[in-house]
Protein backbone atom coordinates (compact mmCIF):
# COMPACT_ATOMS: atom_id res chain seq x y z
CA MET A 1 0.00 0.00 0.00
CA VAL A 2 1.35 3.46 -0.89
CA LEU A 3 0.53 6.40 1.38
CA ASP A 4 0.67 10.05 0.39
CA GLY A 5 2.36 12.56 2.74
CA SER A 6 -0.71 13.43 4.82
CA GLN A 7 -1.71 9.77 5.20
CA ALA A 8 1.82 8.88 6.29
CA ARG A 9 1.83 11.69 8.90
CA ARG A 10 -1.56 10.52 10.26
CA ALA A 11 -0.31 6.93 10.45
CA ARG A 12 2.82 8.03 12.37
CA ARG A 13 0.71 10.13 14.80
CA LEU A 14 -1.65 7.20 15.36
CA ALA A 15 1.25 4.79 15.94
CA GLY A 16 2.89 7.25 18.36
CA SER A 17 -0.37 7.78 20.21
CA LEU A 18 -0.95 4.03 20.46
CA SER A 19 2.54 3.37 21.82
CA THR A 20 2.14 6.20 24.36
CA THR A 21 -1.22 4.75 25.50
CA LEU A 22 0.22 1.24 25.78
CA GLY A 23 3.25 2.56 27.64
CA PHE A 24 1.03 4.44 30.08
CA ALA A 25 -1.16 1.37 30.65
CA LEU A 26 1.91 -0.77 31.33
CA ALA A 27 3.37 1.80 33.73
CA LEU A 28 0.03 2.12 35.52
CA SER A 29 -0.35 -1.63 35.93
CA LEU A 30 3.21 -1.95 37.24
CA GLY A 31 2.57 0.89 39.66
CA ILE A 32 -0.62 -0.72 40.94
CA SER A 33 1.06 -4.06 41.45
CA ALA A 34 3.93 -2.38 43.31
CA LEU A 35 1.54 -0.50 45.62
CA ALA A 36 -0.89 -3.35 46.22
CA PRO A 37 0.58 -6.77 45.50
CA GLY A 38 -2.11 -9.04 44.13
CA ALA A 39 -4.36 -6.16 43.06
CA LEU A 40 -4.14 -7.16 39.43
CA GLN A 41 -5.18 -10.71 40.28
CA GLY A 42 -8.28 -9.49 42.15
CA GLN A 43 -6.83 -10.27 45.56
CA SER A 44 -7.28 -8.01 48.54
CA PRO A 45 -4.36 -5.99 49.91
CA PRO A 46 -2.10 -7.61 52.51
CA ARG A 47 -3.63 -8.11 55.97
CA GLU A 48 -1.32 -5.65 57.69
CA SER A 49 -2.97 -2.73 55.89
CA GLY A 50 -6.12 -3.18 58.00
CA GLY A 51 -4.63 -4.39 61.20
CA GLY A 52 -2.45 -2.85 63.80
CA GLY A 53 1.01 -1.95 62.85
CA GLY A 54 1.63 0.41 65.71
CA GLU A 55 1.01 3.70 63.92
CA GLU A 56 0.64 6.34 66.62
CA VAL A 57 -1.39 9.54 66.48
CA SER A 58 -2.05 12.21 69.07
CA ASP A 59 -5.61 12.89 67.91
CA LEU A 60 -8.28 10.72 66.34
CA PRO A 61 -9.41 11.56 62.79
CA PRO A 62 -12.52 13.73 62.41
CA GLY A 63 -15.66 11.61 62.10
CA HIS A 64 -14.42 8.75 64.29
CA VAL A 65 -16.86 6.81 66.47
CA TRP A 66 -16.29 5.18 69.84
CA VAL A 67 -16.64 1.40 70.12
CA THR A 68 -16.59 -0.52 73.40
CA HIS A 69 -15.62 -4.17 73.35
CA GLU A 70 -14.70 -6.39 76.31
CA SER A 71 -14.34 -3.39 78.65
CA ARG A 72 -11.99 -1.61 76.23
CA ARG A 73 -12.83 1.56 74.38
CA TYR A 74 -11.59 2.07 70.81
CA GLY A 75 -11.80 4.92 68.36
CA PHE A 76 -12.94 3.63 64.96
CA HIS A 77 -12.48 5.41 61.64
CA ASP A 78 -12.11 4.21 58.03
CA GLY A 79 -11.72 0.58 59.10
CA ARG A 80 -9.02 1.26 61.69
CA PHE A 81 -9.26 0.76 65.43
CA TYR A 82 -7.36 3.15 67.70
CA GLU A 83 -6.56 2.37 71.33
CA TRP A 84 -5.50 5.06 73.85
CA PHE A 85 -2.22 4.51 75.69
CA PRO A 86 -2.18 7.05 78.54
CA ASP A 87 1.44 6.41 79.56
CA ARG A 88 2.59 7.53 76.09
CA ARG A 89 -0.37 9.92 75.59
CA VAL A 90 -1.04 8.53 72.08
CA PHE A 91 -3.63 6.54 70.19
CA GLU A 92 -2.17 3.48 68.49
CA VAL A 93 -3.65 1.67 65.50
CA VAL A 94 -4.35 -1.88 66.71
CA ASP A 95 -5.66 -5.07 65.14
CA ALA A 96 -9.43 -5.14 64.73
CA PRO A 97 -10.77 -6.79 67.90
CA VAL A 98 -12.77 -9.90 66.95
CA GLY A 99 -16.34 -9.50 68.18
CA ALA A 100 -16.32 -5.69 68.24
CA ALA A 101 -19.46 -4.16 66.74
CA VAL A 102 -19.28 -1.02 64.59
CA PRO A 103 -22.30 0.98 63.41
CA SER A 104 -21.40 0.79 59.71
CA VAL A 105 -18.81 -0.75 57.43
CA PRO A 106 -16.28 1.59 55.88
CA ARG A 107 -17.08 3.02 52.46
CA GLY A 108 -15.44 0.87 49.81
CA ALA A 109 -15.95 -2.45 51.61
CA ARG A 110 -16.61 -5.32 49.24
CA ILE A 111 -19.05 -8.17 49.79
CA ARG A 112 -17.74 -11.72 50.06
CA GLU A 113 -19.62 -14.93 50.68
CA LEU A 114 -17.87 -17.75 52.55
CA ARG A 115 -19.59 -21.04 53.38
CA GLY A 116 -22.99 -19.42 52.84
CA VAL A 117 -22.30 -16.44 55.12
CA THR A 118 -22.09 -12.89 53.73
CA TYR A 119 -19.26 -10.66 54.95
CA HIS A 120 -18.23 -7.11 54.19
CA VAL A 121 -14.45 -6.96 53.74
CA TYR A 122 -12.33 -3.85 54.12
CA ARG A 123 -8.55 -3.70 54.55
CA GLY A 124 -8.49 -7.43 55.17
CA VAL A 125 -11.01 -7.27 58.03
CA HIS A 126 -14.27 -9.24 57.69
CA TYR A 127 -17.47 -7.74 59.14
CA LYS A 128 -20.71 -9.71 59.54
CA ALA A 129 -24.07 -7.94 59.80
CA ALA A 130 -25.90 -8.55 63.09
CA ARG A 131 -28.48 -7.01 65.42
CA ARG A 132 -27.63 -5.74 68.89
CA ASP A 133 -30.10 -3.88 71.07
CA GLY A 134 -32.47 -3.74 68.09
CA LYS A 135 -29.94 -1.96 65.88
CA ARG A 136 -28.06 -3.23 62.84
CA VAL A 137 -24.32 -3.40 63.50
CA TYR A 138 -21.35 -5.03 61.81
CA VAL A 139 -19.28 -7.38 63.92
CA VAL A 140 -15.59 -8.06 63.31
CA ALA A 141 -15.32 -11.75 62.43
CA LYS A 142 -12.42 -14.14 62.63
CA ILE A 143 -11.95 -15.91 59.30
């Protein structure tokens, strides 16, 4: 096939645009897999992203709620549980306490069914809908 000058320029622009798009898609996918291993395979992020890890903060995030479980009081926000340590005067991000009930699951939680039971999963933590004192709550489950 013979192309005139304008057709050849259009073909080069299209080829350049296509290679740029493919390069961007490859870079994006590599970046995603580096940030969240397993994300490209549809797996959830590693467990430690939702658990403790010892991050310390002096103040709880705006919009947190208080959750009491087994005589302990936790701040809860965006799927993270914060426990107060008065000797250090800090809140520390701790593992989600199994059995703790929160008023709602974090935005972005996905639904997963295991052995016929429906769970809401966020940051590796499984929540199961339940009723306590006549109210719907979501209880941290051990899977």
